């Protein structure tokens, strides 16, 4: 994780793909110990981790050709 910017209005962080799983999984497994804001952030990170993998594959000839 890298802090890109920090000021009175917010903070900008950068996460490496390889770090997302190790950050997200333990927090989700112990979700009852964390507040809503933490869980919101972790679920967003988990979603991005999934999207980075790009699981979508176009089926062959989807429009009949």
C-alpha atoms as a PDB file:
ATOM      1  CA  UNK A   1       0.000   0.000   0.000  1.00  0.00           C
ATOM      2  CA  UNK A   2       1.267   3.454  -0.891  1.00  0.00           C
ATOM      3  CA  UNK A   3      -0.096   6.809   0.259  1.00  0.00           C
ATOM      4  CA  UNK A   4      -0.295   8.995  -2.846  1.00  0.00           C
ATOM      5  CA  UNK A   5      -1.886  12.100  -1.344  1.00  0.00           C
ATOM      6  CA  UNK A   6      -3.153  13.205   2.034  1.00  0.00           C
ATOM      7  CA  UNK A   7      -4.805  16.482   2.975  1.00  0.00           C
ATOM      8  CA  UNK A   8      -7.635  17.812   5.104  1.00  0.00           C
ATOM      9  CA  UNK A   9     -10.282  16.588   2.632  1.00  0.00           C
ATOM     10  CA  UNK A  10      -9.114  12.996   2.195  1.00  0.00           C
ATOM     11  CA  UNK A  11      -6.438  10.456   1.443  1.00  0.00           C
ATOM     12  CA  UNK A  12      -5.494   8.632  -1.761  1.00  0.00           C
ATOM     13  CA  UNK A  13      -4.031   5.142  -1.486  1.00  0.00           C
ATOM     14  CA  UNK A  14      -2.576   2.772  -4.067  1.00  0.00           C
ATOM     15  CA  UNK A  15      -2.697  -0.994  -3.554  1.00  0.00           C
ATOM     16  CA  UNK A  16      -0.772  -3.629  -5.445  1.00  0.00           C
ATOM     17  CA  UNK A  17      -2.862  -6.534  -6.781  1.00  0.00           C
ATOM     18  CA  UNK A  18      -0.715  -9.032  -4.860  1.00  0.00           C
ATOM     19  CA  UNK A  19      -1.480  -7.255  -1.562  1.00  0.00           C
ATOM     20  CA  UNK A  20      -5.266  -7.075  -1.884  1.00  0.00           C
ATOM     21  CA  UNK A  21      -6.019 -10.680  -0.909  1.00  0.00           C
ATOM     22  CA  UNK A  22      -3.787 -10.620   2.147  1.00  0.00           C
ATOM     23  CA  UNK A  23      -5.452  -7.402   3.292  1.00  0.00           C
ATOM     24  CA  UNK A  24      -9.063  -8.282   2.490  1.00  0.00           C
ATOM     25  CA  UNK A  25      -9.418 -11.919   3.582  1.00  0.00           C
ATOM     26  CA  UNK A  26      -8.543 -11.598   7.304  1.00  0.00           C
ATOM     27  CA  UNK A  27     -10.794  -8.559   7.723  1.00  0.00           C
ATOM     28  CA  UNK A  28     -13.756 -10.267   6.063  1.00  0.00           C
ATOM     29  CA  UNK A  29     -13.214 -13.417   8.146  1.00  0.00           C
ATOM     30  CA  UNK A  30     -13.352 -11.273  11.309  1.00  0.00           C
ATOM     31  CA  UNK A  31     -15.976  -8.808  10.085  1.00  0.00           C
ATOM     32  CA  UNK A  32     -17.783  -8.664  13.434  1.00  0.00           C
ATOM     33  CA  UNK A  33     -14.745  -6.913  14.926  1.00  0.00           C
ATOM     34  CA  UNK A  34     -14.741  -4.018  12.432  1.00  0.00           C
ATOM     35  CA  UNK A  35     -16.887  -0.959  11.849  1.00  0.00           C
ATOM     36  CA  UNK A  36     -19.035  -0.222   8.828  1.00  0.00           C
ATOM     37  CA  UNK A  37     -16.512   2.146   7.228  1.00  0.00           C
ATOM     38  CA  UNK A  38     -13.725  -0.438   7.358  1.00  0.00           C
ATOM     39  CA  UNK A  39     -15.970  -3.130   5.907  1.00  0.00           C
ATOM     40  CA  UNK A  40     -17.192  -0.805   3.136  1.00  0.00           C
ATOM     41  CA  UNK A  41     -13.595  -0.140   2.106  1.00  0.00           C
ATOM     42  CA  UNK A  42     -12.649  -3.817   2.277  1.00  0.00           C
ATOM     43  CA  UNK A  43     -15.619  -4.894   0.160  1.00  0.00           C
ATOM     44  CA  UNK A  44     -14.685  -2.284  -2.459  1.00  0.00           C
ATOM     45  CA  UNK A  45     -11.107  -3.567  -2.469  1.00  0.00           C
ATOM     46  CA  UNK A  46     -12.341  -7.161  -2.803  1.00  0.00           C
ATOM     47  CA  UNK A  47     -14.525  -6.162  -5.753  1.00  0.00           C
ATOM     48  CA  UNK A  48     -11.577  -4.471  -7.466  1.00  0.00           C
ATOM     49  CA  UNK A  49      -9.417  -7.522  -6.841  1.00  0.00           C
ATOM     50  CA  UNK A  50     -12.050  -9.603  -8.644  1.00  0.00           C
ATOM     51  CA  UNK A  51     -12.415  -7.105 -11.510  1.00  0.00           C
ATOM     52  CA  UNK A  52      -8.664  -6.905 -12.094  1.00  0.00           C
ATOM     53  CA  UNK A  53      -8.700 -10.602 -13.025  1.00  0.00           C
ATOM     54  CA  UNK A  54     -11.234  -9.888 -15.818  1.00  0.00           C
ATOM     55  CA  UNK A  55     -13.214 -13.125 -15.714  1.00  0.00           C
ATOM     56  CA  UNK A  56     -15.415 -12.181 -18.682  1.00  0.00           C
ATOM     57  CA  UNK A  57     -14.859 -14.059 -21.917  1.00  0.00           C
ATOM     58  CA  UNK A  58     -16.875 -13.279 -25.047  1.00  0.00           C
ATOM     59  CA  UNK A  59     -18.608 -16.436 -26.247  1.00  0.00           C
ATOM     60  CA  UNK A  60     -17.727 -17.473 -29.786  1.00  0.00           C
ATOM     61  CA  UNK A  61     -20.122 -16.019 -32.363  1.00  0.00           C
ATOM     62  CA  UNK A  62     -22.493 -14.344 -29.876  1.00  0.00           C
ATOM     63  CA  UNK A  63     -24.474 -12.665 -32.656  1.00  0.00           C
ATOM     64  CA  UNK A  64     -24.959 -15.700 -34.896  1.00  0.00           C
ATOM     65  CA  UNK A  65     -21.997 -15.371 -37.206  1.00  0.00           C
END
